[in-house]
Amino acid sequence: TYAVLMDRLGFVLATTLAMFGLFFDPIGRNWLRSILFSLVTTLTSYLVFEVWLRCQLPRGVFPWW
């Protein structure tokens, strides 16, 4: 599912949604913490692959990204 979403939505949005799904705890219901961790994880992954390693990632709905 993640690979299909990555092709359609792009790396940034698909990874943020996937990480939010992994970090979200329905019992604790701490939305802000889950969103923050998913954004930090996505930003770190983006910087490693796109900037440092210069790998081309799917743009998806953000063609300027």
C-alpha atoms as a PDB file:
ATOM      1  CA  THR A   1       0.000   0.000   0.000  1.00  0.00           C
ATOM      2  CA  TYR A   2       2.826   2.400   0.835  1.00  0.00           C
ATOM      3  CA  ALA A   3       4.493   1.859  -2.560  1.00  0.00           C
ATOM      4  CA  VAL A   4       1.240   2.539  -4.419  1.00  0.00           C
ATOM      5  CA  LEU A   5       0.588   5.670  -2.376  1.00  0.00           C
ATOM      6  CA  MET A   6       4.150   6.871  -2.837  1.00  0.00           C
ATOM      7  CA  ASP A   7       3.811   6.774  -6.593  1.00  0.00           C
ATOM      8  CA  ARG A   8       0.508   8.663  -6.549  1.00  0.00           C
ATOM      9  CA  LEU A   9       0.930  11.059  -3.617  1.00  0.00           C
ATOM     10  CA  GLY A  10       4.687  11.453  -3.602  1.00  0.00           C
ATOM     11  CA  PHE A  11       7.353  10.587  -1.076  1.00  0.00           C
ATOM     12  CA  VAL A  12       6.679  13.401   1.381  1.00  0.00           C
ATOM     13  CA  LEU A  13       2.940  12.932   1.756  1.00  0.00           C
ATOM     14  CA  ALA A  14       2.943   9.117   1.623  1.00  0.00           C
ATOM     15  CA  THR A  15       5.767   8.834   4.141  1.00  0.00           C
ATOM     16  CA  THR A  16       4.138  11.330   6.496  1.00  0.00           C
ATOM     17  CA  LEU A  17       0.867   9.382   6.409  1.00  0.00           C
ATOM     18  CA  ALA A  18       2.629   6.043   6.869  1.00  0.00           C
ATOM     19  CA  MET A  19       4.695   7.312   9.790  1.00  0.00           C
ATOM     20  CA  PHE A  20       1.620   8.858  11.391  1.00  0.00           C
ATOM     21  CA  GLY A  21      -0.092   5.476  11.163  1.00  0.00           C
ATOM     22  CA  LEU A  22       2.872   3.809  12.814  1.00  0.00           C
ATOM     23  CA  PHE A  23       3.342   6.392  15.563  1.00  0.00           C
ATOM     24  CA  PHE A  24      -0.332   6.947  16.433  1.00  0.00           C
ATOM     25  CA  ASP A  25      -1.444   5.328  19.673  1.00  0.00           C
ATOM     26  CA  PRO A  26      -5.239   5.095  19.831  1.00  0.00           C
ATOM     27  CA  ILE A  27      -5.174   4.483  23.582  1.00  0.00           C
ATOM     28  CA  GLY A  28      -3.019   7.535  24.356  1.00  0.00           C
ATOM     29  CA  ARG A  29      -4.691   9.640  21.655  1.00  0.00           C
ATOM     30  CA  ASN A  30      -1.785  12.030  21.449  1.00  0.00           C
ATOM     31  CA  TRP A  31      -2.293  13.408  17.915  1.00  0.00           C
ATOM     32  CA  LEU A  32       0.216  16.220  18.191  1.00  0.00           C
ATOM     33  CA  ARG A  33       3.062  13.929  19.213  1.00  0.00           C
ATOM     34  CA  SER A  34       2.284  11.505  16.381  1.00  0.00           C
ATOM     35  CA  ILE A  35       2.168  14.307  13.816  1.00  0.00           C
ATOM     36  CA  LEU A  36       5.409  15.816  15.110  1.00  0.00           C
ATOM     37  CA  PHE A  37       7.289  12.495  15.028  1.00  0.00           C
ATOM     38  CA  SER A  38       5.975  11.660  11.560  1.00  0.00           C
ATOM     39  CA  LEU A  39       7.059  15.052  10.200  1.00  0.00           C
ATOM     40  CA  VAL A  40      10.515  14.780  11.774  1.00  0.00           C
ATOM     41  CA  THR A  41      10.949  11.261  10.369  1.00  0.00           C
ATOM     42  CA  THR A  42       9.822  12.358   6.905  1.00  0.00           C
ATOM     43  CA  LEU A  43      12.094  15.405   6.921  1.00  0.00           C
ATOM     44  CA  THR A  44      15.073  13.345   8.042  1.00  0.00           C
ATOM     45  CA  SER A  45      14.438  10.694   5.385  1.00  0.00           C
ATOM     46  CA  TYR A  46      14.010  13.370   2.731  1.00  0.00           C
ATOM     47  CA  LEU A  47      17.265  15.069   3.680  1.00  0.00           C
ATOM     48  CA  VAL A  48      19.192  11.793   3.684  1.00  0.00           C
ATOM     49  CA  PHE A  49      17.913  10.485   0.354  1.00  0.00           C
ATOM     50  CA  GLU A  50      17.240  13.628  -1.690  1.00  0.00           C
ATOM     51  CA  VAL A  51      19.921  16.016  -0.455  1.00  0.00           C
ATOM     52  CA  TRP A  52      22.765  13.874   0.866  1.00  0.00           C
ATOM     53  CA  LEU A  53      22.539  10.800  -1.405  1.00  0.00           C
ATOM     54  CA  ARG A  54      20.965  12.706  -4.333  1.00  0.00           C
ATOM     55  CA  CYS A  55      18.371  10.003  -5.050  1.00  0.00           C
ATOM     56  CA  GLN A  56      15.330  11.077  -6.999  1.00  0.00           C
ATOM     57  CA  LEU A  57      12.157  10.510  -4.986  1.00  0.00           C
ATOM     58  CA  PRO A  58       8.596  10.510  -6.388  1.00  0.00           C
ATOM     59  CA  ARG A  59       7.159  14.034  -6.465  1.00  0.00           C
ATOM     60  CA  GLY A  60       3.472  13.068  -6.582  1.00  0.00           C
ATOM     61  CA  VAL A  61       1.066  15.936  -5.938  1.00  0.00           C
ATOM     62  CA  PHE A  62       3.942  18.351  -5.227  1.00  0.00           C
ATOM     63  CA  PRO A  63       5.739  18.696  -8.600  1.00  0.00           C
ATOM     64  CA  TRP A  64       7.841  21.636  -7.377  1.00  0.00           C
ATOM     65  CA  TRP A  65       9.173  19.716  -4.361  1.00  0.00           C
END
